[in-house]
PDB file of N, CA and C in Angstrom:
ATOM      1  N   UNK A   1       0.825  -1.192   0.000  1.00  0.00           N
ATOM      2  CA  UNK A   1       0.000   0.000   0.000  1.00  0.00           C
ATOM      3  C   UNK A   1       0.874   1.264   0.000  1.00  0.00           C
ATOM      4  N   UNK A   2       1.926   1.236   0.804  1.00  0.00           N
ATOM      5  CA  UNK A   2       2.811   2.410   0.852  1.00  0.00           C
ATOM      6  C   UNK A   2       3.510   2.654  -0.480  1.00  0.00           C
ATOM      7  N   UNK A   3       3.929   1.569  -1.125  1.00  0.00           N
ATOM      8  CA  UNK A   3       4.618   1.738  -2.422  1.00  0.00           C
ATOM      9  C   UNK A   3       3.681   2.355  -3.449  1.00  0.00           C
ATOM     10  N   UNK A   4       2.422   1.957  -3.437  1.00  0.00           N
ATOM     11  CA  UNK A   4       1.460   2.545  -4.364  1.00  0.00           C
ATOM     12  C   UNK A   4       1.265   4.024  -4.047  1.00  0.00           C
ATOM     13  N   UNK A   5       1.088   4.336  -2.780  1.00  0.00           N
ATOM     14  CA  UNK A   5       0.877   5.725  -2.387  1.00  0.00           C
ATOM     15  C   UNK A   5       2.102   6.575  -2.687  1.00  0.00           C
ATOM     16  N   UNK A   6       3.299   6.021  -2.470  1.00  0.00           N
ATOM     17  CA  UNK A   6       4.534   6.739  -2.780  1.00  0.00           C
ATOM     18  C   UNK A   6       4.656   6.992  -4.280  1.00  0.00           C
ATOM     19  N   UNK A   7       4.141   6.063  -5.077  1.00  0.00           N
ATOM     20  CA  UNK A   7       4.184   6.210  -6.537  1.00  0.00           C
ATOM     21  C   UNK A   7       3.114   7.169  -7.048  1.00  0.00           C
ATOM     22  N   UNK A   8       2.295   7.700  -6.154  1.00  0.00           N
ATOM     23  CA  UNK A   8       1.282   8.669  -6.557  1.00  0.00           C
ATOM     24  C   UNK A   8      -0.069   8.071  -6.894  1.00  0.00           C
ATOM     25  N   UNK A   9      -0.253   6.790  -6.586  1.00  0.00           N
ATOM     26  CA  UNK A   9      -1.539   6.138  -6.841  1.00  0.00           C
ATOM     27  C   UNK A   9      -2.429   6.399  -5.635  1.00  0.00           C
ATOM     28  N   UNK A  10      -3.578   7.022  -5.881  1.00  0.00           N
ATOM     29  CA  UNK A  10      -4.443   7.414  -4.771  1.00  0.00           C
ATOM     30  C   UNK A  10      -5.779   6.706  -4.762  1.00  0.00           C
ATOM     31  N   UNK A  11      -6.600   7.130  -3.835  1.00  0.00           N
ATOM     32  CA  UNK A  11      -7.933   6.553  -3.670  1.00  0.00           C
ATOM     33  C   UNK A  11      -8.713   6.589  -4.971  1.00  0.00           C
ATOM     34  N   UNK A  12      -9.402   5.483  -5.244  1.00  0.00           N
ATOM     35  CA  UNK A  12     -10.240   5.403  -6.423  1.00  0.00           C
ATOM     36  C   UNK A  12      -9.511   5.019  -7.702  1.00  0.00           C
ATOM     37  N   UNK A  13      -8.202   4.886  -7.629  1.00  0.00           N
ATOM     38  CA  UNK A  13      -7.437   4.500  -8.813  1.00  0.00           C
ATOM     39  C   UNK A  13      -7.599   3.011  -9.088  1.00  0.00           C
ATOM     40  N   UNK A  14      -7.367   2.635 -10.327  1.00  0.00           N
ATOM     41  CA  UNK A  14      -7.384   1.229 -10.717  1.00  0.00           C
ATOM     42  C   UNK A  14      -5.949   0.749 -10.890  1.00  0.00           C
ATOM     43  N   UNK A  15      -5.652  -0.406 -10.293  1.00  0.00           N
ATOM     44  CA  UNK A  15      -4.313  -0.977 -10.337  1.00  0.00           C
ATOM     45  C   UNK A  15      -4.413  -2.374 -10.935  1.00  0.00           C
ATOM     46  N   UNK A  16      -3.581  -2.671 -11.915  1.00  0.00           N
ATOM     47  CA  UNK A  16      -3.559  -3.995 -12.516  1.00  0.00           C
ATOM     48  C   UNK A  16      -2.733  -4.964 -11.681  1.00  0.00           C
ATOM     49  N   UNK A  17      -3.236  -6.183 -11.542  1.00  0.00           N
ATOM     50  CA  UNK A  17      -2.500  -7.247 -10.863  1.00  0.00           C
ATOM     51  C   UNK A  17      -2.116  -8.281 -11.910  1.00  0.00           C
ATOM     52  N   UNK A  18      -0.870  -8.237 -12.342  1.00  0.00           N
ATOM     53  CA  UNK A  18      -0.347  -9.150 -13.355  1.00  0.00           C
ATOM     54  C   UNK A  18       0.525 -10.176 -12.649  1.00  0.00           C
ATOM     55  N   UNK A  19      -0.137 -11.123 -11.974  1.00  0.00           N
ATOM     56  CA  UNK A  19       0.539 -12.117 -11.150  1.00  0.00           C
ATOM     57  C   UNK A  19      -0.073 -13.492 -11.369  1.00  0.00           C
ATOM     58  N   UNK A  20       0.756 -14.515 -11.236  1.00  0.00           N
ATOM     59  CA  UNK A  20       0.233 -15.878 -11.230  1.00  0.00           C
ATOM     60  C   UNK A  20      -0.484 -16.112  -9.902  1.00  0.00           C
ATOM     61  N   UNK A  21      -1.316 -17.122  -9.870  1.00  0.00           N
ATOM     62  CA  UNK A  21      -2.029 -17.437  -8.635  1.00  0.00           C
ATOM     63  C   UNK A  21      -1.037 -17.927  -7.590  1.00  0.00           C
ATOM     64  N   UNK A  22      -0.868 -17.114  -6.554  1.00  0.00           N
ATOM     65  CA  UNK A  22       0.095 -17.426  -5.504  1.00  0.00           C
ATOM     66  C   UNK A  22      -0.190 -16.523  -4.306  1.00  0.00           C
ATOM     67  N   UNK A  23       0.639 -16.632  -3.310  1.00  0.00           N
ATOM     68  CA  UNK A  23       0.524 -15.765  -2.143  1.00  0.00           C
ATOM     69  C   UNK A  23       0.738 -14.308  -2.555  1.00  0.00           C
ATOM     70  N   UNK A  24       1.602 -14.079  -3.533  1.00  0.00           N
ATOM     71  CA  UNK A  24       1.868 -12.721  -4.005  1.00  0.00           C
ATOM     72  C   UNK A  24       0.604 -12.059  -4.551  1.00  0.00           C
ATOM     73  N   UNK A  25      -0.262 -12.830  -5.163  1.00  0.00           N
ATOM     74  CA  UNK A  25      -1.525 -12.286  -5.681  1.00  0.00           C
ATOM     75  C   UNK A  25      -2.401 -11.796  -4.541  1.00  0.00           C
ATOM     76  N   UNK A  26      -2.491 -12.571  -3.490  1.00  0.00           N
ATOM     77  CA  UNK A  26      -3.291 -12.177  -2.319  1.00  0.00           C
ATOM     78  C   UNK A  26      -2.675 -10.944  -1.664  1.00  0.00           C
ATOM     79  N   UNK A  27      -1.355 -10.943  -1.509  1.00  0.00           N
ATOM     80  CA  UNK A  27      -0.674  -9.792  -0.919  1.00  0.00           C
ATOM     81  C   UNK A  27      -0.890  -8.541  -1.758  1.00  0.00           C
ATOM     82  N   UNK A  28      -0.822  -8.680  -3.071  1.00  0.00           N
ATOM     83  CA  UNK A  28      -1.043  -7.543  -3.957  1.00  0.00           C
ATOM     84  C   UNK A  28      -2.446  -6.990  -3.836  1.00  0.00           C
ATOM     85  N   UNK A  29      -3.436  -7.880  -3.799  1.00  0.00           N
ATOM     86  CA  UNK A  29      -4.829  -7.438  -3.660  1.00  0.00           C
ATOM     87  C   UNK A  29      -5.041  -6.702  -2.341  1.00  0.00           C
ATOM     88  N   UNK A  30      -4.478  -7.226  -1.273  1.00  0.00           N
ATOM     89  CA  UNK A  30      -4.621  -6.571   0.030  1.00  0.00           C
ATOM     90  C   UNK A  30      -3.945  -5.199   0.042  1.00  0.00           C
ATOM     91  N   UNK A  31      -2.779  -5.109  -0.576  1.00  0.00           N
ATOM     92  CA  UNK A  31      -2.095  -3.824  -0.659  1.00  0.00           C
ATOM     93  C   UNK A  31      -2.882  -2.798  -1.459  1.00  0.00           C
ATOM     94  N   UNK A  32      -3.485  -3.247  -2.543  1.00  0.00           N
ATOM     95  CA  UNK A  32      -4.303  -2.353  -3.375  1.00  0.00           C
ATOM     96  C   UNK A  32      -5.504  -1.858  -2.573  1.00  0.00           C
ATOM     97  N   UNK A  33      -6.176  -2.759  -1.888  1.00  0.00           N
ATOM     98  CA  UNK A  33      -7.342  -2.361  -1.083  1.00  0.00           C
ATOM     99  C   UNK A  33      -6.945  -1.422   0.038  1.00  0.00           C
ATOM    100  N   UNK A  34      -5.818  -1.702   0.699  1.00  0.00           N
ATOM    101  CA  UNK A  34      -5.366  -0.870   1.808  1.00  0.00           C
ATOM    102  C   UNK A  34      -5.031   0.540   1.332  1.00  0.00           C
ATOM    103  N   UNK A  35      -4.572   0.661   0.089  1.00  0.00           N
ATOM    104  CA  UNK A  35      -4.260   1.971  -0.481  1.00  0.00           C
ATOM    105  C   UNK A  35      -5.523   2.705  -0.926  1.00  0.00           C
ATOM    106  N   UNK A  36      -6.679   2.048  -0.838  1.00  0.00           N
ATOM    107  CA  UNK A  36      -7.934   2.681  -1.229  1.00  0.00           C
ATOM    108  C   UNK A  36      -8.231   2.573  -2.711  1.00  0.00           C
ATOM    109  N   UNK A  37      -7.581   1.642  -3.370  1.00  0.00           N
ATOM    110  CA  UNK A  37      -7.748   1.470  -4.814  1.00  0.00           C
ATOM    111  C   UNK A  37      -8.556   0.208  -5.108  1.00  0.00           C
ATOM    112  N   UNK A  38      -8.817   0.000  -6.367  1.00  0.00           N
ATOM    113  CA  UNK A  38      -9.454  -1.233  -6.839  1.00  0.00           C
ATOM    114  C   UNK A  38      -8.477  -1.904  -7.796  1.00  0.00           C
ATOM    115  N   UNK A  39      -8.574  -3.238  -7.903  1.00  0.00           N
ATOM    116  CA  UNK A  39      -7.645  -3.938  -8.785  1.00  0.00           C
ATOM    117  C   UNK A  39      -8.358  -4.521  -9.990  1.00  0.00           C
ATOM    118  N   UNK A  40      -7.593  -4.647 -11.065  1.00  0.00           N
ATOM    119  CA  UNK A  40      -8.051  -5.277 -12.294  1.00  0.00           C
ATOM    120  C   UNK A  40      -7.149  -6.496 -12.504  1.00  0.00           C
ATOM    121  N   UNK A  41      -7.713  -7.712 -12.479  1.00  0.00           N
ATOM    122  CA  UNK A  41      -6.876  -8.895 -12.666  1.00  0.00           C
ATOM    123  C   UNK A  41      -6.406  -9.011 -14.114  1.00  0.00           C
ATOM    124  N   UNK A  42      -5.112  -9.205 -14.293  1.00  0.00           N
ATOM    125  CA  UNK A  42      -4.513  -9.383 -15.614  1.00  0.00           C
ATOM    126  C   UNK A  42      -3.885 -10.772 -15.657  1.00  0.00           C
ATOM    127  N   UNK A  43      -4.494 -11.668 -16.393  1.00  0.00           N
ATOM    128  CA  UNK A  43      -4.046 -13.064 -16.442  1.00  0.00           C
ATOM    129  C   UNK A  43      -2.786 -13.183 -17.297  1.00  0.00           C
ATOM    130  N   UNK A  44      -1.687 -13.688 -16.728  1.00  0.00           N
ATOM    131  CA  UNK A  44      -0.446 -13.836 -17.500  1.00  0.00           C
ATOM    132  C   UNK A  44      -0.576 -14.759 -18.715  1.00  0.00           C
ATOM    133  N   UNK A  45      -1.621 -15.566 -18.763  1.00  0.00           N
ATOM    134  CA  UNK A  45      -1.814 -16.462 -19.906  1.00  0.00           C
ATOM    135  C   UNK A  45      -2.491 -15.779 -21.091  1.00  0.00           C
ATOM    136  N   UNK A  46      -2.989 -14.566 -20.907  1.00  0.00           N
ATOM    137  CA  UNK A  46      -3.620 -13.841 -22.011  1.00  0.00           C
ATOM    138  C   UNK A  46      -2.552 -13.367 -22.993  1.00  0.00           C
ATOM    139  N   UNK A  47      -2.914 -13.215 -24.262  1.00  0.00           N
ATOM    140  CA  UNK A  47      -1.966 -12.676 -25.246  1.00  0.00           C
ATOM    141  C   UNK A  47      -1.611 -11.219 -24.907  1.00  0.00           C
ATOM    142  N   UNK A  48      -0.392 -10.789 -25.224  1.00  0.00           N
ATOM    143  CA  UNK A  48       0.027  -9.415 -24.910  1.00  0.00           C
ATOM    144  C   UNK A  48      -0.911  -8.349 -25.470  1.00  0.00           C
ATOM    145  N   UNK A  49      -1.450  -8.558 -26.643  1.00  0.00           N
ATOM    146  CA  UNK A  49      -2.347  -7.553 -27.229  1.00  0.00           C
ATOM    147  C   UNK A  49      -3.615  -7.397 -26.397  1.00  0.00           C
ATOM    148  N   UNK A  50      -4.126  -8.498 -25.858  1.00  0.00           N
ATOM    149  CA  UNK A  50      -5.320  -8.453 -25.000  1.00  0.00           C
ATOM    150  C   UNK A  50      -5.009  -7.722 -23.698  1.00  0.00           C
ATOM    151  N   UNK A  51      -3.859  -8.011 -23.105  1.00  0.00           N
ATOM    152  CA  UNK A  51      -3.464  -7.348 -21.867  1.00  0.00           C
ATOM    153  C   UNK A  51      -3.291  -5.846 -22.075  1.00  0.00           C
ATOM    154  N   UNK A  52      -2.694  -5.473 -23.188  1.00  0.00           N
ATOM    155  CA  UNK A  52      -2.507  -4.053 -23.497  1.00  0.00           C
ATOM    156  C   UNK A  52      -3.861  -3.361 -23.644  1.00  0.00           C
ATOM    157  N   UNK A  53      -4.791  -3.997 -24.348  1.00  0.00           N
ATOM    158  CA  UNK A  53      -6.125  -3.413 -24.503  1.00  0.00           C
ATOM    159  C   UNK A  53      -6.803  -3.242 -23.145  1.00  0.00           C
ATOM    160  N   UNK A  54      -6.728  -4.272 -22.300  1.00  0.00           N
ATOM    161  CA  UNK A  54      -7.366  -4.206 -20.981  1.00  0.00           C
ATOM    162  C   UNK A  54      -6.778  -3.076 -20.136  1.00  0.00           C
ATOM    163  N   UNK A  55      -5.450  -2.941 -20.158  1.00  0.00           N
ATOM    164  CA  UNK A  55      -4.797  -1.896 -19.368  1.00  0.00           C
ATOM    165  C   UNK A  55      -5.187  -0.503 -19.860  1.00  0.00           C
ATOM    166  N   UNK A  56      -5.205  -0.322 -21.158  1.00  0.00           N
ATOM    167  CA  UNK A  56      -5.568   0.987 -21.705  1.00  0.00           C
ATOM    168  C   UNK A  56      -7.042   1.291 -21.497  1.00  0.00           C
ATOM    169  N   UNK A  57      -7.892   0.308 -21.698  1.00  0.00           N
ATOM    170  CA  UNK A  57      -9.328   0.509 -21.556  1.00  0.00           C
ATOM    171  C   UNK A  57      -9.706   0.847 -20.115  1.00  0.00           C
ATOM    172  N   UNK A  58      -9.042   0.211 -19.165  1.00  0.00           N
ATOM    173  CA  UNK A  58      -9.342   0.456 -17.755  1.00  0.00           C
ATOM    174  C   UNK A  58      -8.688   1.739 -17.249  1.00  0.00           C
ATOM    175  N   UNK A  59      -7.674   2.228 -17.938  1.00  0.00           N
ATOM    176  CA  UNK A  59      -6.979   3.425 -17.488  1.00  0.00           C
ATOM    177  C   UNK A  59      -6.202   3.171 -16.199  1.00  0.00           C
ATOM    178  N   UNK A  60      -5.449   2.091 -16.190  1.00  0.00           N
ATOM    179  CA  UNK A  60      -4.729   1.698 -14.984  1.00  0.00           C
ATOM    180  C   UNK A  60      -3.709   2.763 -14.564  1.00  0.00           C
ATOM    181  N   UNK A  61      -3.660   3.022 -13.265  1.00  0.00           N
ATOM    182  CA  UNK A  61      -2.692   3.967 -12.720  1.00  0.00           C
ATOM    183  C   UNK A  61      -1.343   3.288 -12.497  1.00  0.00           C
ATOM    184  N   UNK A  62      -1.371   1.961 -12.276  1.00  0.00           N
ATOM    185  CA  UNK A  62      -0.147   1.192 -12.021  1.00  0.00           C
ATOM    186  C   UNK A  62      -0.433  -0.274 -12.277  1.00  0.00           C
ATOM    187  N   UNK A  63       0.633  -1.051 -12.403  1.00  0.00           N
ATOM    188  CA  UNK A  63       0.515  -2.504 -12.551  1.00  0.00           C
ATOM    189  C   UNK A  63       1.485  -3.151 -11.568  1.00  0.00           C
ATOM    190  N   UNK A  64       0.984  -4.104 -10.796  1.00  0.00           N
ATOM    191  CA  UNK A  64       1.824  -4.860  -9.874  1.00  0.00           C
ATOM    192  C   UNK A  64       2.148  -6.191 -10.545  1.00  0.00           C
ATOM    193  N   UNK A  65       3.444  -6.533 -10.578  1.00  0.00           N
ATOM    194  CA  UNK A  65       3.885  -7.763 -11.189  1.00  0.00           C
ATOM    195  C   UNK A  65       5.098  -8.291 -10.440  1.00  0.00           C
ATOM    196  N   UNK A  66       5.524  -9.486 -10.819  1.00  0.00           N
ATOM    197  CA  UNK A  66       6.740 -10.053 -10.250  1.00  0.00           C
ATOM    198  C   UNK A  66       7.917  -9.644 -11.107  1.00  0.00           C
ATOM    199  N   UNK A  67       9.099  -9.728 -10.553  1.00  0.00           N
ATOM    200  CA  UNK A  67      10.306  -9.374 -11.309  1.00  0.00           C
ATOM    201  C   UNK A  67      10.613 -10.437 -12.315  1.00  0.00           C
TER     202      UNK A  67
END
């Protein structure tokens, strides 16, 4: 939550979660909620063009992913 807020993502923003199903996904969702944002699930199995469309259409303020 702090990292999102430090990055300038505020209440009501949409944040993409580009993570495989794991503990990191749950942690990411909790961090997004704690920051006052909502998340948009981005499935890593989707084609890149679909993910790009989803991110642009939703107007994501940030995307959380693994390194």
